[in-house]
Amino acid sequence: MKRLLLILILSFTFQSLAIADDIKDFQIEGMSIGDSLLQFYDKKQLNDIKRTNSFKKKIHYKYCDNKKNQIYFDICIFTLKKDKEFKIESIAGFIDCKHDISICYKKQKEIDKSIKKLFQNAKSEVFEYKHGGDKTGNTKEKDIIYVLKSKAEIGTAVIDYGKEWTNDEGRQDHLQVFVDSKKYAKFLKTSAW
């Protein structure tokens, strides 16, 4: 039942993108790149869900909400610290797979098929590597990324945490579905780790 729900959500969410090919038309839990978080939360709520991030360069605020009526995902949103309007630079939806990482890989394939159909003209890339944030080198990540004409990105990532990093801060193996602005995608590739 959950799988059918995810497919329906992704199908309806992605339909407008197939026509527009504009990252601002894509939504995760009703939020799009460029929206203000103040459309969804007041400042007190934002302070309650603000989290620290593990990036080397601390230019973004991170907000994670697993309580606000999400349809399918727990979500995390990133904004620039200096932006008083709280404009969304990145949105990521998370599905935990703590007991069986193969579930994450299976769901990643299913979601990727939907994205591929909708973004036939986008350049796709697959990356498999050791996660840069885990200094032990035991955490693996597989990303499937679609780069749009605007250089914004949409995709999926499976993170299979090593034991040492899993125990640190309660991390769990998971699948992400993400949308990143051009600026945020560049930050992740050049300055984050």
N, C-alpha and C. Protein backbone atom coordinates (compact mmCIF):
# COMPACT_ATOMS: atom_id res chain seq x y z
N MET A 1 0.81 -1.19 0.00
CA MET A 1 0.00 0.00 0.00
C MET A 1 0.86 1.27 0.00
N LYS A 2 1.92 1.28 0.86
CA LYS A 2 2.80 2.45 0.90
C LYS A 2 3.49 2.67 -0.44
N ARG A 3 3.88 1.57 -1.10
CA ARG A 3 4.56 1.68 -2.39
C ARG A 3 3.62 2.30 -3.42
N LEU A 4 2.38 1.88 -3.43
CA LEU A 4 1.40 2.45 -4.36
C LEU A 4 1.21 3.94 -4.06
N LEU A 5 1.13 4.30 -2.79
CA LEU A 5 0.99 5.69 -2.41
C LEU A 5 2.18 6.51 -2.90
N LEU A 6 3.39 6.00 -2.72
CA LEU A 6 4.59 6.71 -3.17
C LEU A 6 4.56 6.91 -4.68
N ILE A 7 4.21 5.88 -5.43
CA ILE A 7 4.16 5.96 -6.88
C ILE A 7 3.14 7.00 -7.32
N LEU A 8 1.97 7.01 -6.68
CA LEU A 8 0.95 8.00 -7.02
C LEU A 8 1.41 9.41 -6.70
N ILE A 9 2.02 9.59 -5.53
CA ILE A 9 2.52 10.92 -5.14
C ILE A 9 3.56 11.39 -6.13
N LEU A 10 4.52 10.54 -6.44
CA LEU A 10 5.58 10.92 -7.37
C LEU A 10 5.02 11.19 -8.77
N SER A 11 4.07 10.37 -9.20
CA SER A 11 3.49 10.57 -10.53
C SER A 11 2.82 11.93 -10.64
N PHE A 12 1.99 12.27 -9.65
CA PHE A 12 1.30 13.55 -9.70
C PHE A 12 2.26 14.72 -9.51
N THR A 13 3.24 14.56 -8.66
CA THR A 13 4.20 15.63 -8.41
C THR A 13 5.04 15.89 -9.63
N PHE A 14 5.45 14.84 -10.32
CA PHE A 14 6.36 14.99 -11.45
C PHE A 14 5.65 15.43 -12.73
N GLN A 15 4.32 15.30 -12.82
CA GLN A 15 3.62 15.59 -14.06
C GLN A 15 3.87 17.00 -14.56
N SER A 16 3.81 17.97 -13.70
CA SER A 16 4.02 19.35 -14.15
C SER A 16 5.44 19.58 -14.61
N LEU A 17 6.39 18.86 -14.04
CA LEU A 17 7.78 19.02 -14.45
C LEU A 17 8.02 18.50 -15.86
N ALA A 18 7.29 17.49 -16.24
CA ALA A 18 7.48 16.94 -17.58
C ALA A 18 7.18 18.00 -18.64
N ILE A 19 6.28 18.90 -18.32
CA ILE A 19 5.92 19.95 -19.25
C ILE A 19 6.85 21.15 -19.08
N ALA A 20 7.07 21.59 -17.85
CA ALA A 20 7.78 22.84 -17.62
C ALA A 20 9.29 22.69 -17.54
N ASP A 21 9.79 21.59 -17.04
CA ASP A 21 11.22 21.37 -16.85
C ASP A 21 11.82 22.48 -15.99
N ASP A 22 11.06 23.00 -15.04
CA ASP A 22 11.51 24.05 -14.14
C ASP A 22 11.51 23.50 -12.73
N ILE A 23 12.64 23.57 -12.06
CA ILE A 23 12.80 22.99 -10.73
C ILE A 23 11.81 23.59 -9.74
N LYS A 24 11.37 24.82 -9.96
CA LYS A 24 10.42 25.46 -9.05
C LYS A 24 9.04 24.82 -9.10
N ASP A 25 8.77 24.06 -10.17
CA ASP A 25 7.48 23.39 -10.28
C ASP A 25 7.45 22.07 -9.52
N PHE A 26 8.59 21.57 -9.12
CA PHE A 26 8.67 20.30 -8.41
C PHE A 26 8.47 20.52 -6.92
N GLN A 27 7.67 19.66 -6.29
CA GLN A 27 7.40 19.82 -4.87
C GLN A 27 7.69 18.54 -4.12
N ILE A 28 8.20 18.70 -2.92
CA ILE A 28 8.28 17.62 -1.94
C ILE A 28 7.49 18.13 -0.75
N GLU A 29 6.45 17.39 -0.37
CA GLU A 29 5.55 17.77 0.72
C GLU A 29 5.00 19.18 0.53
N GLY A 30 4.73 19.57 -0.73
CA GLY A 30 4.12 20.85 -1.03
C GLY A 30 5.08 22.02 -1.10
N MET A 31 6.38 21.78 -0.90
CA MET A 31 7.38 22.85 -0.90
C MET A 31 8.24 22.77 -2.16
N SER A 32 8.63 23.95 -2.68
CA SER A 32 9.46 24.02 -3.89
C SER A 32 10.70 24.88 -3.63
N ILE A 33 11.72 24.67 -4.45
CA ILE A 33 12.90 25.51 -4.42
C ILE A 33 12.46 26.96 -4.69
N GLY A 34 12.96 27.89 -3.89
CA GLY A 34 12.61 29.30 -4.06
C GLY A 34 11.45 29.75 -3.19
N ASP A 35 10.64 28.82 -2.68
CA ASP A 35 9.58 29.19 -1.75
C ASP A 35 10.20 29.70 -0.46
N SER A 36 9.46 30.51 0.27
CA SER A 36 9.89 30.92 1.60
C SER A 36 9.37 29.90 2.61
N LEU A 37 10.22 29.50 3.54
CA LEU A 37 9.76 28.60 4.61
C LEU A 37 8.69 29.26 5.47
N LEU A 38 8.64 30.58 5.44
CA LEU A 38 7.63 31.30 6.22
C LEU A 38 6.21 31.07 5.69
N GLN A 39 6.09 30.49 4.48
CA GLN A 39 4.78 30.09 3.96
C GLN A 39 4.26 28.84 4.69
N PHE A 40 5.16 28.10 5.33
CA PHE A 40 4.81 26.81 5.92
C PHE A 40 4.99 26.77 7.44
N TYR A 41 5.84 27.65 7.97
CA TYR A 41 6.16 27.67 9.40
C TYR A 41 6.27 29.13 9.85
N ASP A 42 5.98 29.36 11.13
CA ASP A 42 6.31 30.67 11.69
C ASP A 42 7.73 30.58 12.27
N LYS A 43 8.27 31.72 12.69
CA LYS A 43 9.67 31.74 13.15
C LYS A 43 9.89 30.89 14.40
N LYS A 44 8.91 30.81 15.28
CA LYS A 44 9.06 29.96 16.46
C LYS A 44 9.16 28.49 16.05
N GLN A 45 8.31 28.07 15.13
CA GLN A 45 8.36 26.69 14.64
C GLN A 45 9.71 26.40 13.98
N LEU A 46 10.22 27.36 13.21
CA LEU A 46 11.53 27.16 12.57
C LEU A 46 12.63 26.99 13.61
N ASN A 47 12.58 27.75 14.69
CA ASN A 47 13.58 27.58 15.75
C ASN A 47 13.47 26.21 16.39
N ASP A 48 12.25 25.69 16.50
CA ASP A 48 12.04 24.37 17.11
C ASP A 48 12.58 23.23 16.25
N ILE A 49 12.58 23.40 14.92
CA ILE A 49 13.02 22.31 14.04
C ILE A 49 14.42 22.54 13.45
N LYS A 50 15.07 23.64 13.87
CA LYS A 50 16.42 23.93 13.35
C LYS A 50 17.39 22.88 13.90
N ARG A 51 18.26 22.38 13.04
CA ARG A 51 19.26 21.37 13.40
C ARG A 51 20.64 21.85 12.98
N THR A 52 21.65 21.28 13.62
CA THR A 52 23.01 21.57 13.16
C THR A 52 23.27 20.67 11.97
N ASN A 53 24.12 21.13 11.08
CA ASN A 53 24.50 20.26 9.97
C ASN A 53 25.98 19.95 10.09
N SER A 54 26.41 18.92 9.42
CA SER A 54 27.79 18.47 9.55
C SER A 54 28.69 18.99 8.44
N PHE A 55 28.23 19.99 7.71
CA PHE A 55 29.04 20.55 6.63
C PHE A 55 30.25 21.30 7.20
N LYS A 56 31.32 21.25 6.45
CA LYS A 56 32.54 21.96 6.83
C LYS A 56 32.29 23.47 6.83
N LYS A 57 31.64 23.95 5.81
CA LYS A 57 31.34 25.37 5.66
C LYS A 57 29.93 25.61 6.19
N LYS A 58 29.78 26.46 7.18
CA LYS A 58 28.49 26.66 7.87
C LYS A 58 27.75 27.88 7.33
N ILE A 59 27.30 27.79 6.07
CA ILE A 59 26.59 28.93 5.48
C ILE A 59 25.08 28.66 5.34
N HIS A 60 24.64 27.47 5.71
CA HIS A 60 23.23 27.11 5.59
C HIS A 60 22.63 26.79 6.95
N TYR A 61 21.33 27.08 7.08
CA TYR A 61 20.55 26.55 8.18
C TYR A 61 19.89 25.27 7.69
N LYS A 62 19.71 24.35 8.60
CA LYS A 62 19.06 23.08 8.29
C LYS A 62 17.83 22.96 9.18
N TYR A 63 16.70 22.64 8.57
CA TYR A 63 15.45 22.46 9.30
C TYR A 63 14.92 21.06 8.97
N CYS A 64 14.67 20.28 9.99
CA CYS A 64 14.15 18.92 9.78
C CYS A 64 12.85 18.75 10.55
N ASP A 65 11.85 18.24 9.87
CA ASP A 65 10.54 18.10 10.47
C ASP A 65 9.99 16.71 10.15
N ASN A 66 9.80 15.93 11.18
CA ASN A 66 9.20 14.61 10.98
C ASN A 66 7.81 14.53 11.63
N LYS A 67 7.23 15.70 11.91
CA LYS A 67 5.94 15.72 12.60
C LYS A 67 4.85 16.46 11.84
N LYS A 68 5.19 17.23 10.84
CA LYS A 68 4.21 18.13 10.22
C LYS A 68 3.44 17.45 9.09
N ASN A 69 2.60 16.51 9.40
CA ASN A 69 1.67 15.91 8.44
C ASN A 69 2.28 15.53 7.11
N GLN A 70 3.50 15.01 7.10
CA GLN A 70 4.07 14.58 5.84
C GLN A 70 3.27 13.41 5.29
N ILE A 71 3.12 13.40 4.00
CA ILE A 71 2.38 12.33 3.36
C ILE A 71 3.21 11.05 3.39
N TYR A 72 4.47 11.16 3.05
CA TYR A 72 5.28 9.95 2.94
C TYR A 72 6.67 10.09 3.55
N PHE A 73 7.24 11.29 3.54
CA PHE A 73 8.62 11.49 3.93
C PHE A 73 8.77 12.24 5.24
N ASP A 74 9.89 12.00 5.93
CA ASP A 74 10.43 12.98 6.86
C ASP A 74 11.19 13.94 5.96
N ILE A 75 11.23 15.22 6.29
CA ILE A 75 11.87 16.17 5.38
C ILE A 75 12.94 17.01 6.08
N CYS A 76 13.91 17.45 5.29
CA CYS A 76 14.89 18.43 5.72
C CYS A 76 14.98 19.48 4.63
N ILE A 77 15.07 20.73 5.06
CA ILE A 77 15.13 21.86 4.14
C ILE A 77 16.35 22.69 4.51
N PHE A 78 17.03 23.22 3.50
CA PHE A 78 18.19 24.07 3.75
C PHE A 78 17.94 25.46 3.19
N THR A 79 18.35 26.47 3.96
CA THR A 79 18.30 27.86 3.52
C THR A 79 19.64 28.50 3.81
N LEU A 80 19.93 29.59 3.14
CA LEU A 80 21.15 30.34 3.44
C LEU A 80 20.94 31.11 4.74
N LYS A 81 21.98 31.16 5.60
CA LYS A 81 21.86 31.83 6.89
C LYS A 81 21.53 33.31 6.75
N LYS A 82 22.09 33.96 5.76
CA LYS A 82 21.90 35.40 5.62
C LYS A 82 20.58 35.79 4.98
N ASP A 83 19.81 34.83 4.54
CA ASP A 83 18.55 35.11 3.84
C ASP A 83 17.43 35.30 4.86
N LYS A 84 16.97 36.53 5.01
CA LYS A 84 15.91 36.86 5.97
C LYS A 84 14.54 36.38 5.51
N GLU A 85 14.42 36.00 4.24
CA GLU A 85 13.15 35.50 3.72
C GLU A 85 13.04 33.98 3.82
N PHE A 86 14.11 33.31 4.25
CA PHE A 86 14.13 31.85 4.42
C PHE A 86 13.79 31.12 3.12
N LYS A 87 14.36 31.57 2.01
CA LYS A 87 14.10 30.92 0.72
C LYS A 87 14.75 29.54 0.69
N ILE A 88 13.99 28.57 0.20
CA ILE A 88 14.44 27.18 0.17
C ILE A 88 15.48 26.99 -0.93
N GLU A 89 16.64 26.44 -0.54
CA GLU A 89 17.72 26.11 -1.48
C GLU A 89 17.73 24.61 -1.80
N SER A 90 17.26 23.80 -0.85
CA SER A 90 17.26 22.35 -1.02
C SER A 90 16.15 21.74 -0.18
N ILE A 91 15.54 20.70 -0.73
CA ILE A 91 14.54 19.92 0.00
C ILE A 91 14.90 18.46 -0.19
N ALA A 92 14.89 17.72 0.91
CA ALA A 92 15.15 16.29 0.82
C ALA A 92 14.11 15.54 1.64
N GLY A 93 13.51 14.53 1.03
CA GLY A 93 12.59 13.65 1.74
C GLY A 93 13.33 12.37 2.06
N PHE A 94 13.10 11.81 3.25
CA PHE A 94 13.85 10.65 3.72
C PHE A 94 12.91 9.48 4.04
N ILE A 95 13.34 8.30 3.66
CA ILE A 95 12.67 7.06 4.03
C ILE A 95 13.72 6.19 4.70
N ASP A 96 13.51 5.83 5.97
CA ASP A 96 14.47 5.00 6.69
C ASP A 96 14.39 3.54 6.25
N CYS A 97 15.54 2.92 6.19
CA CYS A 97 15.65 1.49 5.85
C CYS A 97 16.61 0.83 6.83
N LYS A 98 16.43 1.10 8.11
CA LYS A 98 17.42 0.68 9.10
C LYS A 98 17.58 -0.83 9.23
N HIS A 99 16.58 -1.59 8.87
CA HIS A 99 16.69 -3.03 9.06
C HIS A 99 17.09 -3.80 7.79
N ASP A 100 16.95 -3.16 6.61
CA ASP A 100 17.25 -3.86 5.37
C ASP A 100 17.58 -2.86 4.27
N ILE A 101 18.88 -2.65 4.01
CA ILE A 101 19.32 -1.67 3.02
C ILE A 101 18.84 -2.03 1.62
N SER A 102 18.57 -3.31 1.37
CA SER A 102 18.11 -3.70 0.03
C SER A 102 16.76 -3.06 -0.30
N ILE A 103 15.96 -2.76 0.71
CA ILE A 103 14.68 -2.07 0.50
C ILE A 103 14.94 -0.69 -0.08
N CYS A 104 15.96 0.00 0.45
CA CYS A 104 16.31 1.34 -0.06
C CYS A 104 16.71 1.27 -1.53
N TYR A 105 17.55 0.30 -1.88
CA TYR A 105 18.01 0.19 -3.27
C TYR A 105 16.85 -0.15 -4.21
N LYS A 106 15.93 -0.98 -3.76
CA LYS A 106 14.77 -1.33 -4.57
C LYS A 106 13.89 -0.10 -4.80
N LYS A 107 13.63 0.66 -3.75
CA LYS A 107 12.81 1.87 -3.88
C LYS A 107 13.52 2.92 -4.74
N GLN A 108 14.85 2.99 -4.64
CA GLN A 108 15.60 3.94 -5.45
C GLN A 108 15.39 3.64 -6.93
N LYS A 109 15.42 2.36 -7.30
CA LYS A 109 15.18 1.98 -8.71
C LYS A 109 13.78 2.38 -9.16
N GLU A 110 12.78 2.14 -8.31
CA GLU A 110 11.40 2.47 -8.66
C GLU A 110 11.23 3.97 -8.89
N ILE A 111 11.77 4.76 -7.97
CA ILE A 111 11.64 6.22 -8.07
C ILE A 111 12.42 6.73 -9.28
N ASP A 112 13.60 6.16 -9.51
CA ASP A 112 14.42 6.59 -10.65
C ASP A 112 13.70 6.37 -11.98
N LYS A 113 12.96 5.28 -12.11
CA LYS A 113 12.20 5.05 -13.35
C LYS A 113 11.21 6.18 -13.61
N SER A 114 10.55 6.64 -12.55
CA SER A 114 9.60 7.75 -12.70
C SER A 114 10.30 9.04 -13.09
N ILE A 115 11.41 9.33 -12.43
CA ILE A 115 12.15 10.56 -12.73
C ILE A 115 12.67 10.51 -14.16
N LYS A 116 13.20 9.38 -14.57
CA LYS A 116 13.76 9.23 -15.92
C LYS A 116 12.71 9.50 -17.00
N LYS A 117 11.50 9.01 -16.79
CA LYS A 117 10.42 9.23 -17.76
C LYS A 117 10.06 10.71 -17.88
N LEU A 118 10.11 11.40 -16.77
CA LEU A 118 9.70 12.80 -16.75
C LEU A 118 10.78 13.76 -17.22
N PHE A 119 12.03 13.37 -17.06
CA PHE A 119 13.15 14.25 -17.42
C PHE A 119 14.00 13.61 -18.50
N GLN A 120 13.37 13.26 -19.58
CA GLN A 120 14.06 12.56 -20.66
C GLN A 120 15.20 13.37 -21.26
N ASN A 121 15.13 14.68 -21.19
CA ASN A 121 16.17 15.53 -21.76
C ASN A 121 17.26 15.91 -20.76
N ALA A 122 17.08 15.55 -19.50
CA ALA A 122 18.07 15.89 -18.48
C ALA A 122 19.24 14.92 -18.54
N LYS A 123 20.39 15.43 -18.22
CA LYS A 123 21.59 14.61 -18.15
C LYS A 123 21.57 13.86 -16.82
N SER A 124 21.71 12.53 -16.88
CA SER A 124 21.71 11.76 -15.64
C SER A 124 23.11 11.24 -15.35
N GLU A 125 23.39 11.15 -14.06
CA GLU A 125 24.68 10.66 -13.59
C GLU A 125 24.44 9.72 -12.42
N VAL A 126 25.25 8.66 -12.34
CA VAL A 126 25.20 7.73 -11.21
C VAL A 126 26.57 7.75 -10.54
N PHE A 127 26.55 7.95 -9.24
CA PHE A 127 27.79 7.98 -8.47
C PHE A 127 27.69 6.97 -7.34
N GLU A 128 28.72 6.17 -7.17
CA GLU A 128 28.83 5.28 -6.02
C GLU A 128 30.17 5.57 -5.37
N TYR A 129 30.15 5.90 -4.08
CA TYR A 129 31.38 6.32 -3.42
C TYR A 129 31.26 6.18 -1.90
N LYS A 130 32.39 6.38 -1.24
CA LYS A 130 32.41 6.43 0.22
C LYS A 130 32.03 7.85 0.63
N HIS A 131 31.13 7.95 1.58
CA HIS A 131 30.61 9.25 2.01
C HIS A 131 31.73 10.09 2.64
N GLY A 132 31.87 11.33 2.18
CA GLY A 132 32.94 12.21 2.64
C GLY A 132 32.84 12.63 4.09
N GLY A 133 31.67 12.55 4.68
CA GLY A 133 31.51 12.94 6.08
C GLY A 133 31.96 11.89 7.07
N ASP A 134 32.09 10.64 6.64
CA ASP A 134 32.49 9.53 7.52
C ASP A 134 33.99 9.33 7.39
N LYS A 135 34.72 9.75 8.38
CA LYS A 135 36.19 9.66 8.34
C LYS A 135 36.70 8.23 8.41
N THR A 136 35.85 7.26 8.82
CA THR A 136 36.28 5.86 8.84
C THR A 136 36.26 5.24 7.45
N GLY A 137 35.52 5.87 6.53
CA GLY A 137 35.43 5.34 5.17
C GLY A 137 34.49 4.16 5.01
N ASN A 138 33.69 3.87 6.03
CA ASN A 138 32.80 2.70 5.98
C ASN A 138 31.38 3.01 5.51
N THR A 139 31.05 4.27 5.29
CA THR A 139 29.71 4.64 4.84
C THR A 139 29.71 4.76 3.32
N LYS A 140 28.77 4.04 2.68
CA LYS A 140 28.67 4.05 1.22
C LYS A 140 27.43 4.82 0.79
N GLU A 141 27.56 5.46 -0.37
CA GLU A 141 26.43 6.22 -0.91
C GLU A 141 26.31 5.95 -2.40
N LYS A 142 25.07 5.82 -2.86
CA LYS A 142 24.78 5.70 -4.30
C LYS A 142 23.79 6.78 -4.66
N ASP A 143 24.20 7.68 -5.56
CA ASP A 143 23.37 8.78 -6.01
C ASP A 143 22.98 8.58 -7.47
N ILE A 144 21.75 8.89 -7.80
CA ILE A 144 21.30 8.99 -9.19
C ILE A 144 20.78 10.40 -9.33
N ILE A 145 21.47 11.20 -10.14
CA ILE A 145 21.20 12.64 -10.21
C ILE A 145 20.84 13.02 -11.63
N TYR A 146 19.82 13.85 -11.76
CA TYR A 146 19.42 14.41 -13.04
C TYR A 146 19.72 15.91 -12.99
N VAL A 147 20.55 16.37 -13.92
CA VAL A 147 20.93 17.78 -13.99
C VAL A 147 20.06 18.43 -15.06
N LEU A 148 19.29 19.43 -14.65
CA LEU A 148 18.39 20.13 -15.56
C LEU A 148 19.15 21.22 -16.32
N LYS A 149 18.51 21.79 -17.32
CA LYS A 149 19.13 22.85 -18.10
C LYS A 149 19.59 24.01 -17.23
N SER A 150 18.84 24.28 -16.18
CA SER A 150 19.17 25.38 -15.26
C SER A 150 20.34 25.05 -14.34
N LYS A 151 20.82 23.80 -14.40
CA LYS A 151 21.87 23.26 -13.53
C LYS A 151 21.36 22.92 -12.13
N ALA A 152 20.06 23.07 -11.89
CA ALA A 152 19.45 22.56 -10.67
C ALA A 152 19.44 21.03 -10.79
N GLU A 153 19.31 20.35 -9.67
CA GLU A 153 19.37 18.89 -9.69
C GLU A 153 18.21 18.27 -8.93
N ILE A 154 17.81 17.10 -9.42
CA ILE A 154 16.80 16.30 -8.75
C ILE A 154 17.30 14.86 -8.78
N GLY A 155 17.05 14.11 -7.73
CA GLY A 155 17.53 12.74 -7.76
C GLY A 155 17.25 11.98 -6.48
N THR A 156 17.95 10.87 -6.38
CA THR A 156 17.82 9.99 -5.22
C THR A 156 19.21 9.63 -4.72
N ALA A 157 19.29 9.29 -3.44
CA ALA A 157 20.53 8.84 -2.85
C ALA A 157 20.21 7.77 -1.81
N VAL A 158 20.99 6.70 -1.81
CA VAL A 158 20.90 5.70 -0.75
C VAL A 158 22.17 5.82 0.06
N ILE A 159 22.02 5.96 1.37
CA ILE A 159 23.17 6.03 2.26
C ILE A 159 23.14 4.81 3.17
N ASP A 160 24.21 4.02 3.07
CA ASP A 160 24.41 2.81 3.86
C ASP A 160 25.52 3.12 4.87
N TYR A 161 25.11 3.52 6.08
CA TYR A 161 26.07 3.97 7.08
C TYR A 161 26.93 2.84 7.61
N GLY A 162 28.20 3.14 7.82
CA GLY A 162 29.10 2.24 8.52
C GLY A 162 28.72 2.23 9.99
N LYS A 163 29.08 1.16 10.71
CA LYS A 163 28.69 1.03 12.12
C LYS A 163 29.14 2.21 12.97
N GLU A 164 30.35 2.68 12.75
CA GLU A 164 30.88 3.76 13.58
C GLU A 164 30.07 5.05 13.40
N TRP A 165 29.69 5.35 12.19
CA TRP A 165 28.98 6.60 11.93
C TRP A 165 27.49 6.47 12.25
N THR A 166 26.94 5.26 12.17
CA THR A 166 25.54 5.04 12.51
C THR A 166 25.30 5.34 13.98
N ASN A 167 26.21 4.91 14.82
CA ASN A 167 26.05 5.11 16.26
C ASN A 167 26.24 6.57 16.67
N ASP A 168 26.93 7.34 15.85
CA ASP A 168 27.15 8.75 16.11
C ASP A 168 25.91 9.54 15.70
N GLU A 169 25.24 10.18 16.64
CA GLU A 169 24.06 11.01 16.40
C GLU A 169 22.85 10.23 15.89
N GLY A 170 22.80 8.92 16.06
CA GLY A 170 21.62 8.14 15.72
C GLY A 170 21.31 8.03 14.24
N ARG A 171 22.30 8.12 13.39
CA ARG A 171 22.06 8.02 11.94
C ARG A 171 21.54 6.63 11.58
N GLN A 172 20.69 6.58 10.54
CA GLN A 172 20.14 5.31 10.06
C GLN A 172 20.26 5.24 8.55
N ASP A 173 20.45 4.02 8.03
CA ASP A 173 20.45 3.83 6.58
C ASP A 173 19.15 4.40 6.03
N HIS A 174 19.24 5.06 4.87
CA HIS A 174 18.02 5.66 4.33
C HIS A 174 18.14 5.94 2.84
N LEU A 175 16.98 6.21 2.27
CA LEU A 175 16.83 6.68 0.89
C LEU A 175 16.40 8.14 0.96
N GLN A 176 17.01 8.96 0.11
CA GLN A 176 16.61 10.36 -0.01
C GLN A 176 16.06 10.61 -1.40
N VAL A 177 15.04 11.44 -1.49
CA VAL A 177 14.61 12.02 -2.75
C VAL A 177 14.86 13.51 -2.56
N PHE A 178 15.62 14.13 -3.47
CA PHE A 178 16.02 15.51 -3.23
C PHE A 178 15.86 16.40 -4.45
N VAL A 179 15.76 17.68 -4.16
CA VAL A 179 15.73 18.73 -5.17
C VAL A 179 16.68 19.81 -4.66
N ASP A 180 17.66 20.18 -5.49
CA ASP A 180 18.65 21.18 -5.09
C ASP A 180 18.69 22.31 -6.11
N SER A 181 18.76 23.54 -5.62
CA SER A 181 18.97 24.67 -6.52
C SER A 181 20.37 24.55 -7.14
N LYS A 182 20.62 25.28 -8.19
CA LYS A 182 21.93 25.28 -8.84
C LYS A 182 23.02 25.64 -7.82
N LYS A 183 22.75 26.67 -7.01
CA LYS A 183 23.73 27.14 -6.03
C LYS A 183 24.03 26.07 -4.97
N TYR A 184 22.98 25.41 -4.48
CA TYR A 184 23.16 24.40 -3.44
C TYR A 184 23.86 23.17 -3.99
N ALA A 185 23.53 22.77 -5.21
CA ALA A 185 24.18 21.62 -5.83
C ALA A 185 25.69 21.89 -5.97
N LYS A 186 26.04 23.10 -6.37
CA LYS A 186 27.45 23.46 -6.49
C LYS A 186 28.14 23.42 -5.12
N PHE A 187 27.47 23.95 -4.10
CA PHE A 187 28.01 23.92 -2.74
C PHE A 187 28.33 22.50 -2.30
N LEU A 188 27.40 21.57 -2.55
CA LEU A 188 27.62 20.18 -2.13
C LEU A 188 28.86 19.58 -2.82
N LYS A 189 29.08 19.97 -4.06
CA LYS A 189 30.20 19.40 -4.81
C LYS A 189 31.55 20.06 -4.50
N THR A 190 31.52 21.31 -4.05
CA THR A 190 32.78 22.04 -3.90
C THR A 190 33.16 22.41 -2.48
N SER A 191 32.19 22.60 -1.58
CA SER A 191 32.53 23.17 -0.27
C SER A 191 31.99 22.41 0.93
N ALA A 192 31.06 21.51 0.76
CA ALA A 192 30.36 20.91 1.89
C ALA A 192 31.26 20.06 2.78
N TRP A 193 32.07 19.22 2.17
CA TRP A 193 32.86 18.27 2.97
C TRP A 193 34.32 18.63 2.92
